[in-house]
Amino acid sequence: MFNSKVTALKASKTRIYPSIRLPREYSEIIENNAEIIPTPQEENQDFLVVVDKESLNSEPLSPLEARVK
């Protein structure tokens, strides 16, 4: 378990998204698909992050391949 601050990621002047940084040891999941599942809690908001196993085992797509897909 680790702690991380939720920060703002500004896509444009009108679009702001929450962003959470993971520790460097999880860098292998960068560019992989993930499902974010909010879980109901009474006191805190919890999220379950599920990284797609298929995408972890495959070669990363080039930026051009990712756009075409």
C-alpha atoms as a PDB file:
ATOM      1  CA  MET A   1       0.000   0.000   0.000  1.00  0.00           C
ATOM      2  CA  PHE A   2       1.149   3.555  -0.666  1.00  0.00           C
ATOM      3  CA  ASN A   3      -0.158   7.106  -0.385  1.00  0.00           C
ATOM      4  CA  SER A   4      -0.636   9.465  -3.295  1.00  0.00           C
ATOM      5  CA  LYS A   5      -2.159  12.912  -3.652  1.00  0.00           C
ATOM      6  CA  VAL A   6      -4.939  13.391  -6.204  1.00  0.00           C
ATOM      7  CA  THR A   7      -3.863  16.195  -8.524  1.00  0.00           C
ATOM      8  CA  ALA A   8      -5.457  18.004 -11.470  1.00  0.00           C
ATOM      9  CA  LEU A   9      -4.610  17.071 -15.040  1.00  0.00           C
ATOM     10  CA  LYS A  10      -5.613  19.921 -17.337  1.00  0.00           C
ATOM     11  CA  ALA A  11      -6.492  18.766 -20.855  1.00  0.00           C
ATOM     12  CA  SER A  12      -7.686  22.259 -21.770  1.00  0.00           C
ATOM     13  CA  LYS A  13      -8.923  25.383 -20.004  1.00  0.00           C
ATOM     14  CA  THR A  14     -12.354  23.827 -19.548  1.00  0.00           C
ATOM     15  CA  ARG A  15     -11.434  20.158 -19.002  1.00  0.00           C
ATOM     16  CA  ILE A  16      -9.781  19.083 -15.781  1.00  0.00           C
ATOM     17  CA  TYR A  17      -9.383  15.440 -14.736  1.00  0.00           C
ATOM     18  CA  PRO A  18      -8.273  13.913 -11.429  1.00  0.00           C
ATOM     19  CA  SER A  19      -4.884  12.219 -11.627  1.00  0.00           C
ATOM     20  CA  ILE A  20      -3.236   9.768  -9.225  1.00  0.00           C
ATOM     21  CA  ARG A  21       0.456   8.889  -9.475  1.00  0.00           C
ATOM     22  CA  LEU A  22       1.571   5.342  -8.851  1.00  0.00           C
ATOM     23  CA  PRO A  23       5.073   4.406  -7.666  1.00  0.00           C
ATOM     24  CA  ARG A  24       7.742   3.862 -10.337  1.00  0.00           C
ATOM     25  CA  GLU A  25       7.754   0.097  -9.835  1.00  0.00           C
ATOM     26  CA  TYR A  26       4.382   0.026 -11.652  1.00  0.00           C
ATOM     27  CA  SER A  27       5.755   1.657 -14.807  1.00  0.00           C
ATOM     28  CA  GLU A  28       5.155  -1.548 -16.798  1.00  0.00           C
ATOM     29  CA  ILE A  29       1.418  -0.788 -16.811  1.00  0.00           C
ATOM     30  CA  ILE A  30       1.860   2.525 -18.656  1.00  0.00           C
ATOM     31  CA  GLU A  31      -0.169   2.612 -21.892  1.00  0.00           C
ATOM     32  CA  ASN A  32      -2.156  -0.510 -20.894  1.00  0.00           C
ATOM     33  CA  ASN A  33      -5.932  -0.588 -20.628  1.00  0.00           C
ATOM     34  CA  ALA A  34      -7.391  -0.452 -17.138  1.00  0.00           C
ATOM     35  CA  GLU A  35     -10.880  -0.657 -15.733  1.00  0.00           C
ATOM     36  CA  ILE A  36     -11.589   1.713 -12.821  1.00  0.00           C
ATOM     37  CA  ILE A  37     -14.408   0.487 -10.595  1.00  0.00           C
ATOM     38  CA  PRO A  38     -15.791   2.799  -7.887  1.00  0.00           C
ATOM     39  CA  THR A  39     -16.827   0.828  -4.819  1.00  0.00           C
ATOM     40  CA  PRO A  40     -19.527   2.023  -2.435  1.00  0.00           C
ATOM     41  CA  GLN A  41     -18.218   2.937   1.008  1.00  0.00           C
ATOM     42  CA  GLU A  42     -19.750   4.817   3.921  1.00  0.00           C
ATOM     43  CA  GLU A  43     -16.761   6.954   4.933  1.00  0.00           C
ATOM     44  CA  ASN A  44     -14.271   6.873   2.017  1.00  0.00           C
ATOM     45  CA  GLN A  45     -14.435   6.603  -1.750  1.00  0.00           C
ATOM     46  CA  ASP A  46     -12.584   3.468  -2.862  1.00  0.00           C
ATOM     47  CA  PHE A  47     -11.581   2.478  -6.385  1.00  0.00           C
ATOM     48  CA  LEU A  48     -10.531  -0.886  -7.747  1.00  0.00           C
ATOM     49  CA  VAL A  49      -8.078  -0.617 -10.658  1.00  0.00           C
ATOM     50  CA  VAL A  50      -7.935  -3.687 -12.890  1.00  0.00           C
ATOM     51  CA  VAL A  51      -5.201  -3.707 -15.547  1.00  0.00           C
ATOM     52  CA  ASP A  52      -5.999  -5.740 -18.663  1.00  0.00           C
ATOM     53  CA  LYS A  53      -3.760  -8.868 -18.516  1.00  0.00           C
ATOM     54  CA  GLU A  54      -3.861  -9.277 -22.284  1.00  0.00           C
ATOM     55  CA  SER A  55      -2.432  -5.827 -22.817  1.00  0.00           C
ATOM     56  CA  LEU A  56       0.305  -6.477 -20.232  1.00  0.00           C
ATOM     57  CA  ASN A  57       1.505  -9.536 -22.127  1.00  0.00           C
ATOM     58  CA  SER A  58       1.458  -7.934 -25.559  1.00  0.00           C
ATOM     59  CA  GLU A  59       3.979  -5.649 -27.204  1.00  0.00           C
ATOM     60  CA  PRO A  60       3.163  -1.969 -26.702  1.00  0.00           C
ATOM     61  CA  LEU A  61       1.615  -0.257 -29.702  1.00  0.00           C
ATOM     62  CA  SER A  62       3.440   2.520 -31.471  1.00  0.00           C
ATOM     63  CA  PRO A  63       1.670   5.923 -31.299  1.00  0.00           C
ATOM     64  CA  LEU A  64       0.536   5.461 -34.919  1.00  0.00           C
ATOM     65  CA  GLU A  65      -0.822   1.935 -34.223  1.00  0.00           C
ATOM     66  CA  ALA A  66      -2.637   3.188 -31.131  1.00  0.00           C
ATOM     67  CA  ARG A  67      -4.326   5.960 -33.155  1.00  0.00           C
ATOM     68  CA  VAL A  68      -5.409   3.571 -35.904  1.00  0.00           C
ATOM     69  CA  LYS A  69      -6.807   1.120 -33.353  1.00  0.00           C
END
